[in-house]
Amino acid sequence: MRDFHFPGRSEVFASNGMCATSHPLGANVAIDILKRGGTAMDAAIAGALVLGICEPQMTGIGGDLFALVSPAGSNKVHAYNGSGRAPAAANAAKLREKGHATVHLQSPDAVTIPTAMHAFAAMNEKWGKLGLDAILEPTIHYAQAGVPVAPRVAFDWVDASKMLQGAGKKHYLVNGQLPKTGDMFYAPGQAEVLKRIAKDGVKAFYEGEIADDMLTALQSLGGVHTAEDFANVTSEETAPISADYKGTELFEHPPNGQGATAILMLNILKHFDIAAMYPFGAERAHIEAEAAKLAYDARNRFLADPDHTKKLDHMLAPNIAEKLAGLIDPKRTMAAPKKVSEAVHKDTIYITVVDRDGMSVSLIYSIFHGFGSGIASEKFGILLQNRGAGFTLEAGHPNELGGGKRPMHTIIPGMLAENGAPNMPFGVMGGAYQPNGHARFLSNLKDFGLDAQSAIDAPRAFADGSILKVEKGYSEQVRAELADLGHKIEVPNGPIGGAQSIKINENGVLVGASDPRKDGCALGY
């Protein structure tokens, strides 16, 4: 229990349904959908779409998603992959011939086919009760009526706006200026798009005038995208991967997500007595940073489109984790892993919902970098993600850019299970940090007995390339001790990521937690 003398958040308790996400309007919409008889999936989709208006620098209908779902009355966890493929004509060799070493973040080469809308429609049909028109209604309202810009959103908008180009500036600045906290943001073009989808189905997004608007934006900049690429969009259900950490099973999304990185990192940490360390001291932060370097190095080597990922079993084998753990020197840092793509730290949105019947949804929805590629369609203002920057241009690499391939993705939803029963959907935002964040969250719960809110509140550090980013929540003494171990320390301008979770207690009570690093909350009824 937290000390009520000090500021902070309590966990939120409810019995009928709950949502935890990064903006209050998104949480409120999800709860309203639950009250109207929608499932957790209906609510998660509705809330996520609203977040595209509340946090347009983080996500939107030009992006991708991944989800983990545990249906009511079932102990099974399903994974759903709503990530986009490169256009059929994408070619790494041609970019190398032009002298490119990586896929440029603000180029049409970085734009894979936005697949979130296809996935939303498919998941609504499979696990929803309300029609897609009802699910889209709240976002249509807020896109037309506008939403006040929240403090964290205004903070992020400043740096993210540097990505905007062309029509992106017209649609994502307010009267040509950066919005301030409390200013209203409107997206009438997106409202029109969603009205057409509500009337004619998701096909309206991928064919006809809306698709043509996106194609014109891409092709005018040299993109090789075609109408056939959009019309042939697919999303799919797949099987999650999982592993045990001290009696709790962690479910992750398989490749092309980076969930295997979190599992490998935890497998490495098992070889150290983390529970005997001070939870917010230099010793633990150092071991965690070194484990992250090793796990991320494996990620960079092996993870890619599932049709091209050949060494997943090798990456997750216990003997590999044991060998890697043996490379960690408790007294000295190691070199950072080789960078093979632009899959670096960037933010996203995460939403989790549990309904009264027990369905759990863990959903993450993103445009990758702040404002994605910065490319927006002229008429409707659809901002296009730059997930293709997650490809490498290294010839022969499994994650090499290629036509029809999906890039290695940083966004990963999580779910925990006890005694075979899924009981805690959770997620940690923050781009590349996410596997580290998953491992740290679970370690905070299991090694130190923290409740979910305390586990989320706890300070974070992240070995981001050659820099160890250490939040202000750590003391100056800890930063000095880490520097003495050889780490290059940086206190980041903003906090590292954000997180939400919902736990289903033994008696069925729902316990929500939401990160104060964001503007959101856990809300139940």
Protein backbone atom coordinates (compact mmCIF):
# COMPACT_ATOMS: atom_id res chain seq x y z
CA MET A 1 0.00 0.00 0.00
CA ARG A 2 1.31 3.46 -0.86
CA ASP A 3 2.00 6.08 1.77
CA PHE A 4 -0.91 8.53 1.55
CA HIS A 5 1.27 11.32 2.95
CA PHE A 6 2.88 11.58 -0.48
CA PRO A 7 1.39 12.46 -3.88
CA GLY A 8 0.71 9.57 -6.19
CA ARG A 9 -1.99 7.38 -7.62
CA SER A 10 -3.93 4.54 -6.09
CA GLU A 11 -4.97 1.56 -8.15
CA VAL A 12 -8.54 1.78 -9.45
CA PHE A 13 -11.07 -0.90 -8.49
CA ALA A 14 -14.31 -1.85 -10.29
CA SER A 15 -16.42 -4.93 -10.90
CA ASN A 16 -18.32 -4.49 -14.19
CA GLY A 17 -15.68 -3.34 -16.63
CA MET A 18 -12.50 -1.30 -16.88
CA CYS A 19 -10.26 0.54 -19.31
CA ALA A 20 -6.75 1.88 -18.76
CA THR A 21 -5.17 4.11 -21.38
CA SER A 22 -3.17 7.27 -21.97
CA HIS A 23 -5.96 9.85 -22.32
CA PRO A 24 -9.15 10.26 -20.23
CA LEU A 25 -11.42 10.74 -23.26
CA GLY A 26 -10.26 7.42 -24.67
CA ALA A 27 -10.94 5.67 -21.36
CA ASN A 28 -14.35 7.31 -21.04
CA VAL A 29 -15.38 6.28 -24.55
CA ALA A 30 -14.34 2.68 -23.85
CA ILE A 31 -16.41 2.59 -20.64
CA ASP A 32 -19.41 4.07 -22.47
CA ILE A 33 -19.17 1.33 -25.10
CA LEU A 34 -19.09 -1.30 -22.34
CA LYS A 35 -22.19 0.22 -20.74
CA ARG A 36 -23.95 0.05 -24.11
CA GLY A 37 -23.39 -3.70 -24.24
CA GLY A 38 -20.19 -3.80 -26.23
CA THR A 39 -17.44 -6.28 -25.57
CA ALA A 40 -13.96 -5.43 -24.39
CA MET A 41 -12.90 -5.56 -28.03
CA ASP A 42 -15.59 -3.11 -29.10
CA ALA A 43 -14.51 -0.80 -26.30
CA ALA A 44 -10.79 -1.10 -27.02
CA ILE A 45 -11.30 -0.28 -30.71
CA ALA A 46 -13.55 2.70 -29.96
CA GLY A 47 -11.15 4.05 -27.35
CA ALA A 48 -8.10 3.53 -29.55
CA LEU A 49 -9.66 5.38 -32.47
CA VAL A 50 -10.50 8.34 -30.23
CA LEU A 51 -6.86 8.43 -29.11
CA GLY A 52 -5.92 9.12 -32.72
CA ILE A 53 -7.68 12.48 -32.31
CA CYS A 54 -6.58 13.09 -28.71
CA GLU A 55 -2.95 12.10 -29.39
CA PRO A 56 -2.46 12.57 -33.14
CA GLN A 57 1.32 12.69 -32.78
CA MET A 58 1.23 9.13 -31.44
CA THR A 59 -1.28 7.26 -33.55
CA GLY A 60 -3.98 7.41 -36.16
CA ILE A 61 -5.86 5.65 -38.93
CA GLY A 62 -2.76 5.73 -41.12
CA GLY A 63 -0.99 3.39 -38.69
CA ASP A 64 -0.69 -0.22 -37.55
CA LEU A 65 -1.66 -2.28 -34.51
CA PHE A 66 -1.06 -5.51 -32.61
CA ALA A 67 -3.46 -7.07 -30.10
CA LEU A 68 -3.64 -9.92 -27.60
CA VAL A 69 -7.12 -11.16 -26.76
CA SER A 70 -8.37 -13.58 -24.13
CA PRO A 71 -12.07 -14.25 -24.89
CA ALA A 72 -14.65 -14.55 -22.13
CA GLY A 73 -14.83 -18.02 -20.62
CA SER A 74 -11.53 -19.06 -22.12
CA ASN A 75 -7.98 -19.41 -20.88
CA LYS A 76 -6.69 -19.11 -24.43
CA VAL A 77 -4.77 -16.05 -25.64
CA HIS A 78 -5.07 -15.04 -29.29
CA ALA A 79 -2.69 -12.71 -31.11
CA TYR A 80 -3.81 -10.42 -33.91
CA ASN A 81 -1.36 -8.84 -36.34
CA GLY A 82 -2.55 -5.59 -37.90
CA SER A 83 0.83 -4.44 -39.22
CA GLY A 84 1.30 -3.31 -42.80
CA ARG A 85 3.38 -4.69 -45.64
CA ALA A 86 5.75 -2.84 -47.91
CA PRO A 87 4.38 -2.08 -51.39
CA ALA A 88 5.03 -4.84 -53.92
CA ALA A 89 7.58 -2.71 -55.78
CA ALA A 90 9.68 -1.88 -52.68
CA ASN A 91 13.31 -2.76 -53.35
CA ALA A 92 16.25 -2.43 -50.98
CA ALA A 93 18.82 -2.77 -53.77
CA LYS A 94 17.47 0.30 -55.52
CA LEU A 95 17.81 2.35 -52.33
CA ARG A 96 21.36 1.08 -51.83
CA GLU A 97 22.15 2.11 -55.41
CA LYS A 98 21.02 5.62 -54.52
CA GLY A 99 23.51 5.65 -51.64
CA HIS A 100 21.07 5.06 -48.80
CA ALA A 101 22.27 3.15 -45.74
CA THR A 102 18.87 3.18 -44.01
CA VAL A 103 15.27 3.82 -44.98
CA HIS A 104 14.76 7.57 -44.59
CA LEU A 105 12.22 8.41 -41.90
CA GLN A 106 10.36 11.10 -43.85
CA SER A 107 10.35 9.38 -47.23
CA PRO A 108 7.53 7.41 -48.86
CA ASP A 109 9.93 4.43 -48.75
CA ALA A 110 9.22 4.32 -45.01
CA VAL A 111 5.45 4.06 -45.47
CA THR A 112 4.06 0.54 -45.37
CA ILE A 113 0.38 -0.01 -46.16
CA PRO A 114 -1.59 1.26 -43.12
CA THR A 115 -3.35 -1.81 -41.77
CA ALA A 116 -4.92 -0.76 -38.46
CA MET A 117 -8.33 -0.04 -40.01
CA HIS A 118 -8.45 -3.47 -41.64
CA ALA A 119 -7.55 -5.08 -38.31
CA PHE A 120 -10.11 -3.04 -36.37
CA ALA A 121 -12.87 -4.20 -38.71
CA ALA A 122 -11.75 -7.84 -38.60
CA MET A 123 -11.41 -7.92 -34.79
CA ASN A 124 -14.78 -6.20 -34.36
CA GLU A 125 -16.39 -8.88 -36.52
CA LYS A 126 -14.66 -11.73 -34.66
CA TRP A 127 -14.85 -10.54 -31.04
CA GLY A 128 -17.37 -7.69 -31.02
CA LYS A 129 -21.10 -7.30 -30.56
CA LEU A 130 -21.73 -3.74 -31.70
CA GLY A 131 -21.53 -2.78 -35.34
CA LEU A 132 -18.58 -0.88 -36.77
CA ASP A 133 -20.80 2.20 -37.21
CA ALA A 134 -21.42 2.35 -33.44
CA ILE A 135 -17.73 1.84 -32.72
CA LEU A 136 -16.73 4.73 -35.03
CA GLU A 137 -19.37 7.15 -33.74
CA PRO A 138 -17.37 8.62 -30.80
CA THR A 139 -14.31 9.34 -32.95
CA ILE A 140 -16.44 10.97 -35.63
CA HIS A 141 -17.90 13.22 -32.90
CA TYR A 142 -14.53 14.25 -31.44
CA ALA A 143 -12.92 14.73 -34.84
CA GLN A 144 -15.70 17.20 -35.72
CA ALA A 145 -16.25 18.85 -32.32
CA GLY A 146 -12.55 18.93 -31.48
CA VAL A 147 -10.62 17.94 -28.36
CA PRO A 148 -8.60 20.16 -26.01
CA VAL A 149 -4.87 19.48 -26.28
CA ALA A 150 -3.69 17.77 -23.08
CA PRO A 151 -0.42 18.73 -21.32
CA ARG A 152 1.66 15.68 -22.30
CA VAL A 153 0.32 15.88 -25.85
CA ALA A 154 1.32 19.56 -26.12
CA PHE A 155 4.78 18.66 -24.77
CA ASP A 156 5.24 15.91 -27.37
CA TRP A 157 3.85 18.03 -30.21
CA VAL A 158 6.84 20.40 -30.09
CA ASP A 159 9.50 17.86 -31.13
CA ALA A 160 7.16 15.68 -33.18
CA SER A 161 6.09 18.60 -35.36
CA LYS A 162 9.57 18.69 -36.91
CA MET A 163 8.52 15.59 -38.89
CA LEU A 164 5.56 17.31 -40.55
CA GLN A 165 5.82 18.15 -44.24
CA GLY A 166 3.46 19.39 -46.94
CA ALA A 167 -0.18 18.71 -46.12
CA GLY A 168 0.94 17.37 -42.74
CA LYS A 169 1.57 20.95 -41.58
CA LYS A 170 -1.88 22.05 -42.79
CA HIS A 171 -3.71 19.29 -40.92
CA TYR A 172 -1.59 18.95 -37.76
CA LEU A 173 -0.79 22.53 -36.83
CA VAL A 174 -3.46 24.82 -35.41
CA ASN A 175 -3.71 27.93 -37.56
CA GLY A 176 -0.14 27.23 -38.64
CA GLN A 177 1.12 27.23 -35.07
CA LEU A 178 2.05 24.63 -32.48
CA PRO A 179 -0.95 24.10 -30.22
CA LYS A 180 -0.69 24.94 -26.54
CA THR A 181 -2.27 23.05 -23.67
CA GLY A 182 -6.00 23.69 -23.83
CA ASP A 183 -6.11 24.66 -27.51
CA MET A 184 -8.67 22.78 -29.58
CA PHE A 185 -7.61 20.30 -32.26
CA TYR A 186 -10.02 19.32 -35.04
CA ALA A 187 -9.79 16.63 -37.72
CA PRO A 188 -12.81 17.09 -40.04
CA GLY A 189 -11.16 15.11 -42.83
CA GLN A 190 -10.82 12.07 -40.62
CA ALA A 191 -14.44 12.45 -39.51
CA GLU A 192 -15.49 12.21 -43.16
CA VAL A 193 -13.30 9.12 -43.68
CA LEU A 194 -14.87 7.36 -40.69
CA LYS A 195 -18.39 8.30 -41.80
CA ARG A 196 -17.75 6.60 -45.12
CA ILE A 197 -16.36 3.50 -43.40
CA ALA A 198 -19.39 3.42 -41.06
CA LYS A 199 -21.66 3.55 -44.12
CA ASP A 200 -19.81 1.37 -46.65
CA GLY A 201 -17.45 -0.78 -44.56
CA VAL A 202 -13.69 -0.79 -44.25
CA LYS A 203 -13.32 -1.35 -47.99
CA ALA A 204 -14.03 2.38 -48.35
CA PHE A 205 -10.66 3.11 -46.71
CA TYR A 206 -8.62 0.94 -49.06
CA GLU A 207 -10.35 1.61 -52.38
CA GLY A 208 -11.78 4.69 -54.06
CA GLU A 209 -11.34 8.33 -53.12
CA ILE A 210 -9.80 7.79 -49.68
CA ALA A 211 -7.15 5.39 -50.96
CA ASP A 212 -6.52 7.68 -53.95
CA ASP A 213 -5.89 10.57 -51.55
CA MET A 214 -3.21 8.55 -49.75
CA LEU A 215 -1.74 7.29 -53.02
CA THR A 216 -1.45 10.79 -54.43
CA ALA A 217 0.46 11.95 -51.36
CA LEU A 218 2.88 9.03 -51.63
CA GLN A 219 3.33 8.92 -55.39
CA SER A 220 3.92 12.67 -55.62
CA LEU A 221 7.00 12.15 -53.44
CA GLY A 222 8.26 9.18 -55.45
CA GLY A 223 6.50 6.37 -53.59
CA VAL A 224 6.06 3.07 -55.42
CA HIS A 225 2.70 2.32 -53.79
CA THR A 226 -0.18 1.27 -56.04
CA ALA A 227 -3.93 0.92 -55.78
CA GLU A 228 -3.42 -2.86 -55.79
CA ASP A 229 -1.20 -2.60 -52.69
CA PHE A 230 -4.02 -0.90 -50.80
CA ALA A 231 -6.78 -3.15 -52.15
CA ASN A 232 -4.82 -6.29 -51.21
CA VAL A 233 -4.30 -5.29 -47.56
CA THR A 234 -4.46 -8.15 -45.05
CA SER A 235 -4.37 -8.59 -41.29
CA GLU A 236 -4.37 -11.92 -39.51
CA GLU A 237 -4.78 -13.88 -36.32
CA THR A 238 -1.66 -15.67 -35.17
CA ALA A 239 -0.41 -17.60 -32.13
CA PRO A 240 1.31 -15.79 -29.26
CA ILE A 241 4.62 -16.85 -27.75
CA SER A 242 5.09 -17.16 -24.00
CA ALA A 243 7.53 -17.92 -21.20
CA ASP A 244 7.51 -18.31 -17.43
CA TYR A 245 9.11 -15.84 -15.03
CA LYS A 246 8.99 -16.97 -11.40
CA GLY A 247 5.59 -18.62 -11.74
CA THR A 248 3.93 -16.04 -13.97
CA GLU A 249 3.47 -16.70 -17.68
CA LEU A 250 4.19 -13.78 -19.98
CA PHE A 251 2.41 -13.79 -23.36
CA GLU A 252 3.95 -11.78 -26.17
CA HIS A 253 3.26 -11.18 -29.84
CA PRO A 254 5.42 -13.26 -32.19
CA PRO A 255 7.49 -11.71 -34.99
CA ASN A 256 7.28 -9.36 -36.73
CA GLY A 257 6.70 -7.86 -33.29
CA GLN A 258 9.65 -7.67 -30.89
CA GLY A 259 7.98 -9.57 -28.04
CA ALA A 260 10.65 -12.28 -28.17
CA THR A 261 13.11 -9.64 -26.99
CA ALA A 262 11.24 -9.25 -23.69
CA ILE A 263 11.22 -13.03 -23.17
CA LEU A 264 14.94 -13.33 -23.90
CA MET A 265 15.70 -10.45 -21.55
CA LEU A 266 13.76 -12.10 -18.72
CA ASN A 267 15.46 -15.43 -19.46
CA ILE A 268 18.80 -13.66 -19.01
CA LEU A 269 17.70 -11.92 -15.80
CA LYS A 270 16.71 -15.29 -14.28
CA HIS A 271 20.43 -15.97 -13.88
CA PHE A 272 20.84 -13.09 -11.42
CA ASP A 273 19.41 -12.64 -7.93
CA ILE A 274 17.48 -9.51 -8.87
CA ALA A 275 15.23 -9.78 -5.81
CA ALA A 276 18.25 -9.37 -3.51
CA MET A 277 19.17 -6.03 -5.12
CA TYR A 278 17.85 -2.60 -4.16
CA PRO A 279 15.01 -2.10 -6.67
CA PHE A 280 16.06 1.42 -7.69
CA GLY A 281 19.81 1.15 -7.28
CA ALA A 282 22.74 1.06 -9.68
CA GLU A 283 23.34 -2.70 -9.40
CA ARG A 284 19.93 -3.65 -10.75
CA ALA A 285 19.93 -0.89 -13.38
CA HIS A 286 23.33 -2.06 -14.63
CA ILE A 287 22.39 -5.75 -14.90
CA GLU A 288 19.13 -4.82 -16.61
CA ALA A 289 20.93 -2.55 -19.10
CA GLU A 290 23.45 -5.26 -19.98
CA ALA A 291 20.70 -7.86 -20.39
CA ALA A 292 18.86 -5.43 -22.66
CA LYS A 293 21.92 -4.91 -24.86
CA LEU A 294 22.25 -8.65 -25.38
CA ALA A 295 18.54 -9.22 -25.97
CA TYR A 296 18.30 -6.31 -28.40
CA ASP A 297 21.36 -7.51 -30.27
CA ALA A 298 19.55 -10.82 -30.84
CA ARG A 299 16.46 -8.90 -31.90
CA ASN A 300 18.47 -6.94 -34.45
CA ARG A 301 19.91 -10.13 -35.89
CA PHE A 302 16.89 -12.40 -36.04
CA LEU A 303 13.48 -10.68 -35.87
CA ALA A 304 11.65 -9.83 -39.06
CA ASP A 305 8.54 -10.70 -41.05
CA PRO A 306 7.45 -14.12 -39.71
CA ASP A 307 7.96 -15.64 -43.16
CA HIS A 308 11.62 -14.63 -42.90
CA THR A 309 12.31 -15.16 -39.17
CA LYS A 310 14.22 -18.45 -38.99
CA LYS A 311 15.86 -18.43 -35.54
CA LEU A 312 13.07 -17.65 -33.10
CA ASP A 313 13.45 -20.98 -31.27
CA HIS A 314 17.20 -20.40 -31.06
CA MET A 315 16.65 -16.92 -29.61
CA LEU A 316 14.29 -18.24 -26.92
CA ALA A 317 16.25 -21.38 -25.99
CA PRO A 318 17.21 -21.48 -22.27
CA ASN A 319 20.83 -22.41 -23.01
CA ILE A 320 21.22 -19.29 -25.17
CA ALA A 321 20.03 -17.08 -22.30
CA GLU A 322 22.46 -18.86 -19.95
CA LYS A 323 25.37 -18.21 -22.32
CA LEU A 324 24.39 -14.58 -22.74
CA ALA A 325 24.04 -14.08 -18.99
CA GLY A 326 27.61 -15.32 -18.65
CA LEU A 327 28.78 -12.40 -20.79
CA ILE A 328 27.55 -9.83 -18.27
CA ASP A 329 30.22 -8.28 -16.03
CA PRO A 330 28.58 -6.90 -12.85
CA LYS A 331 31.44 -4.41 -12.58
CA ARG A 332 31.73 -3.12 -16.15
CA THR A 333 29.52 -2.19 -19.09
CA MET A 334 29.72 -3.75 -22.56
CA ALA A 335 29.46 -2.18 -26.02
CA ALA A 336 26.04 -1.40 -27.48
CA PRO A 337 24.59 -3.74 -30.15
CA LYS A 338 24.97 -2.92 -33.81
CA LYS A 339 22.19 -0.77 -35.24
CA VAL A 340 20.60 -2.28 -38.34
CA SER A 341 17.51 -0.12 -38.87
CA GLU A 342 15.66 2.94 -37.64
CA ALA A 343 13.73 0.92 -35.02
CA VAL A 344 14.64 3.38 -32.28
CA HIS A 345 12.77 4.84 -29.32
CA LYS A 346 9.46 6.36 -30.33
CA ASP A 347 6.09 6.54 -28.66
CA THR A 348 2.66 5.10 -29.37
CA ILE A 349 -0.66 4.57 -27.61
CA TYR A 350 -1.74 1.56 -25.61
CA ILE A 351 -5.21 0.62 -24.38
CA THR A 352 -6.40 -2.30 -22.31
CA VAL A 353 -10.01 -3.22 -21.56
CA VAL A 354 -11.67 -5.99 -19.54
CA ASP A 355 -15.45 -6.44 -19.70
CA ARG A 356 -17.94 -7.88 -17.22
CA ASP A 357 -17.85 -11.29 -18.93
CA GLY A 358 -14.09 -11.55 -18.52
CA MET A 359 -12.83 -10.79 -22.03
CA SER A 360 -9.41 -9.14 -21.85
CA VAL A 361 -7.92 -7.03 -24.65
CA SER A 362 -4.37 -5.72 -24.80
CA LEU A 363 -4.02 -3.43 -27.84
CA ILE A 364 -1.24 -1.19 -29.11
CA TYR A 365 -1.73 1.19 -32.04
CA SER A 366 0.94 3.42 -33.56
CA ILE A 367 2.36 5.54 -36.37
CA PHE A 368 5.94 4.89 -35.08
CA HIS A 369 7.80 8.24 -34.94
CA GLY A 370 6.05 11.36 -33.72
CA PHE A 371 3.62 12.23 -36.56
CA GLY A 372 4.92 9.16 -38.41
CA SER A 373 6.53 9.99 -41.74
CA GLY A 374 5.11 13.51 -41.56
CA ILE A 375 3.34 12.78 -44.86
CA ALA A 376 -0.41 13.41 -44.79
CA SER A 377 -2.98 13.10 -47.54
CA GLU A 378 -4.15 16.45 -48.90
CA LYS A 379 -7.95 16.12 -48.73
CA PHE A 380 -8.60 13.96 -45.68
CA GLY A 381 -5.45 14.62 -43.64
CA ILE A 382 -4.62 10.94 -43.09
CA LEU A 383 -1.18 10.92 -41.51
CA LEU A 384 0.91 8.01 -42.76
CA GLN A 385 3.19 6.01 -40.47
CA ASN A 386 6.86 5.35 -41.20
CA ARG A 387 7.05 1.74 -40.07
CA GLY A 388 9.13 0.88 -43.13
CA ALA A 389 12.03 2.60 -41.36
CA GLY A 390 12.07 -0.53 -39.22
CA PHE A 391 13.50 -2.43 -42.20
CA THR A 392 17.23 -2.69 -42.76
CA LEU A 393 18.91 -2.17 -46.14
CA GLU A 394 21.58 -4.76 -45.28
CA ALA A 395 21.61 -7.26 -48.14
CA GLY A 396 20.51 -10.75 -47.13
CA HIS A 397 19.33 -9.75 -43.66
CA PRO A 398 15.99 -11.38 -42.70
CA ASN A 399 14.61 -7.87 -42.04
CA GLU A 400 15.81 -6.45 -45.37
CA LEU A 401 13.25 -4.21 -47.09
CA GLY A 402 11.34 -6.12 -49.74
CA GLY A 403 8.04 -6.07 -51.59
CA GLY A 404 5.16 -7.47 -49.54
CA LYS A 405 7.26 -7.89 -46.39
CA ARG A 406 6.37 -6.61 -42.92
CA PRO A 407 9.14 -4.80 -41.01
CA MET A 408 10.31 -5.67 -37.53
CA HIS A 409 7.88 -3.77 -35.30
CA THR A 410 8.58 -2.18 -31.93
CA ILE A 411 4.97 -2.17 -30.68
CA ILE A 412 4.06 -5.14 -28.49
CA PRO A 413 1.02 -5.73 -26.26
CA GLY A 414 1.52 -7.94 -23.22
CA MET A 415 -0.58 -10.28 -21.09
CA LEU A 416 0.20 -12.17 -17.88
CA ALA A 417 -1.32 -15.44 -16.66
CA GLU A 418 -1.32 -17.22 -13.31
CA ASN A 419 -1.98 -20.96 -13.04
CA GLY A 420 -2.90 -21.09 -16.71
CA ALA A 421 -5.50 -18.32 -16.50
CA PRO A 422 -4.82 -14.98 -18.23
CA ASN A 423 -5.40 -12.33 -15.57
CA MET A 424 -3.47 -9.17 -16.48
CA PRO A 425 -3.40 -7.43 -19.85
CA PHE A 426 -0.72 -4.75 -19.81
CA GLY A 427 1.43 -2.67 -22.11
CA VAL A 428 4.42 -0.38 -21.97
CA MET A 429 4.72 2.38 -24.57
CA GLY A 430 8.02 3.80 -25.73
CA GLY A 431 9.14 2.32 -29.05
CA ALA A 432 12.28 0.26 -28.68
CA TYR A 433 12.01 0.49 -24.88
CA GLN A 434 8.94 -1.74 -24.82
CA PRO A 435 10.60 -5.17 -24.30
CA ASN A 436 12.78 -3.66 -21.57
CA GLY A 437 9.63 -2.12 -20.11
CA HIS A 438 7.78 -5.45 -20.15
CA ALA A 439 10.68 -7.17 -18.40
CA ARG A 440 10.99 -4.40 -15.81
CA PHE A 441 7.25 -4.33 -15.09
CA LEU A 442 7.13 -8.09 -14.50
CA SER A 443 10.31 -7.99 -12.43
CA ASN A 444 8.87 -5.17 -10.31
CA LEU A 445 5.81 -7.35 -9.63
CA LYS A 446 7.61 -10.65 -8.99
CA ASP A 447 11.01 -9.70 -7.58
CA PHE A 448 9.90 -6.83 -5.37
CA GLY A 449 6.21 -7.49 -4.73
CA LEU A 450 5.08 -4.09 -6.00
CA ASP A 451 1.45 -3.54 -6.87
CA ALA A 452 0.80 -2.66 -10.51
CA GLN A 453 0.55 1.10 -9.96
CA SER A 454 3.81 1.17 -8.00
CA ALA A 455 5.47 -1.02 -10.62
CA ILE A 456 4.43 1.47 -13.29
CA ASP A 457 5.40 4.54 -11.26
CA ALA A 458 8.89 3.22 -10.52
CA PRO A 459 11.83 5.00 -12.23
CA ARG A 460 13.14 3.65 -15.53
CA ALA A 461 16.46 3.40 -17.29
CA PHE A 462 17.12 2.22 -20.84
CA ALA A 463 20.29 1.30 -22.71
CA ASP A 464 19.35 3.10 -25.93
CA GLY A 465 22.29 2.37 -28.20
CA SER A 466 25.50 3.61 -26.57
CA ILE A 467 23.62 5.87 -24.12
CA LEU A 468 22.05 4.77 -20.84
CA LYS A 469 18.99 6.98 -20.45
CA VAL A 470 18.15 7.38 -16.77
CA GLU A 471 14.98 9.10 -15.59
CA LYS A 472 15.04 11.82 -12.95
CA GLY A 473 13.42 9.35 -10.55
CA TYR A 474 16.87 7.86 -9.97
CA SER A 475 19.18 9.66 -7.55
CA GLU A 476 22.34 11.51 -8.58
CA GLN A 477 24.29 8.91 -6.60
CA VAL A 478 22.86 6.09 -8.75
CA ARG A 479 23.72 7.98 -11.92
CA ALA A 480 27.27 8.51 -10.66
CA GLU A 481 27.65 4.82 -9.77
CA LEU A 482 26.41 3.82 -13.23
CA ALA A 483 28.88 6.22 -14.83
CA ASP A 484 31.67 4.62 -12.78
CA LEU A 485 30.68 1.27 -14.33
CA GLY A 486 31.32 2.76 -17.77
CA HIS A 487 27.83 3.85 -18.81
CA LYS A 488 27.36 7.08 -20.77
CA ILE A 489 24.55 8.64 -18.78
CA GLU A 490 21.84 10.91 -20.16
CA VAL A 491 18.76 12.26 -18.41
CA PRO A 492 16.21 12.34 -21.27
CA ASN A 493 14.17 15.45 -21.99
CA GLY A 494 10.96 13.51 -21.49
CA PRO A 495 10.12 10.41 -19.46
CA ILE A 496 10.73 6.92 -20.83
CA GLY A 497 7.47 5.61 -22.23
CA GLY A 498 4.26 5.01 -20.35
CA ALA A 499 2.26 1.99 -19.19
CA GLN A 500 -1.18 0.67 -18.29
CA SER A 501 -2.53 -2.55 -16.85
CA ILE A 502 -5.66 -4.23 -15.53
CA LYS A 503 -5.52 -7.17 -13.14
CA ILE A 504 -8.42 -9.58 -12.66
CA ASN A 505 -8.34 -10.50 -8.96
CA GLU A 506 -9.19 -13.94 -7.60
CA ASN A 507 -12.72 -12.71 -6.77
CA GLY A 508 -13.22 -11.16 -10.20
CA VAL A 509 -12.62 -7.56 -9.13
CA LEU A 510 -10.78 -5.49 -11.74
CA VAL A 511 -7.74 -3.49 -10.60
CA GLY A 512 -6.47 -0.83 -13.00
CA ALA A 513 -3.23 1.13 -13.10
CA SER A 514 -2.15 3.95 -15.41
CA ASP A 515 1.14 5.76 -15.86
CA PRO A 516 1.39 9.34 -14.54
CA ARG A 517 3.96 9.95 -17.30
CA LYS A 518 0.94 10.28 -19.59
CA ASP A 519 -2.34 12.23 -19.34
CA GLY A 520 -4.51 9.13 -19.01
CA CYS A 521 -6.14 7.07 -16.31
CA ALA A 522 -7.70 3.77 -15.38
CA LEU A 523 -11.47 4.03 -15.33
CA GLY A 524 -14.04 1.45 -14.32
CA TYR A 525 -17.72 1.10 -13.54
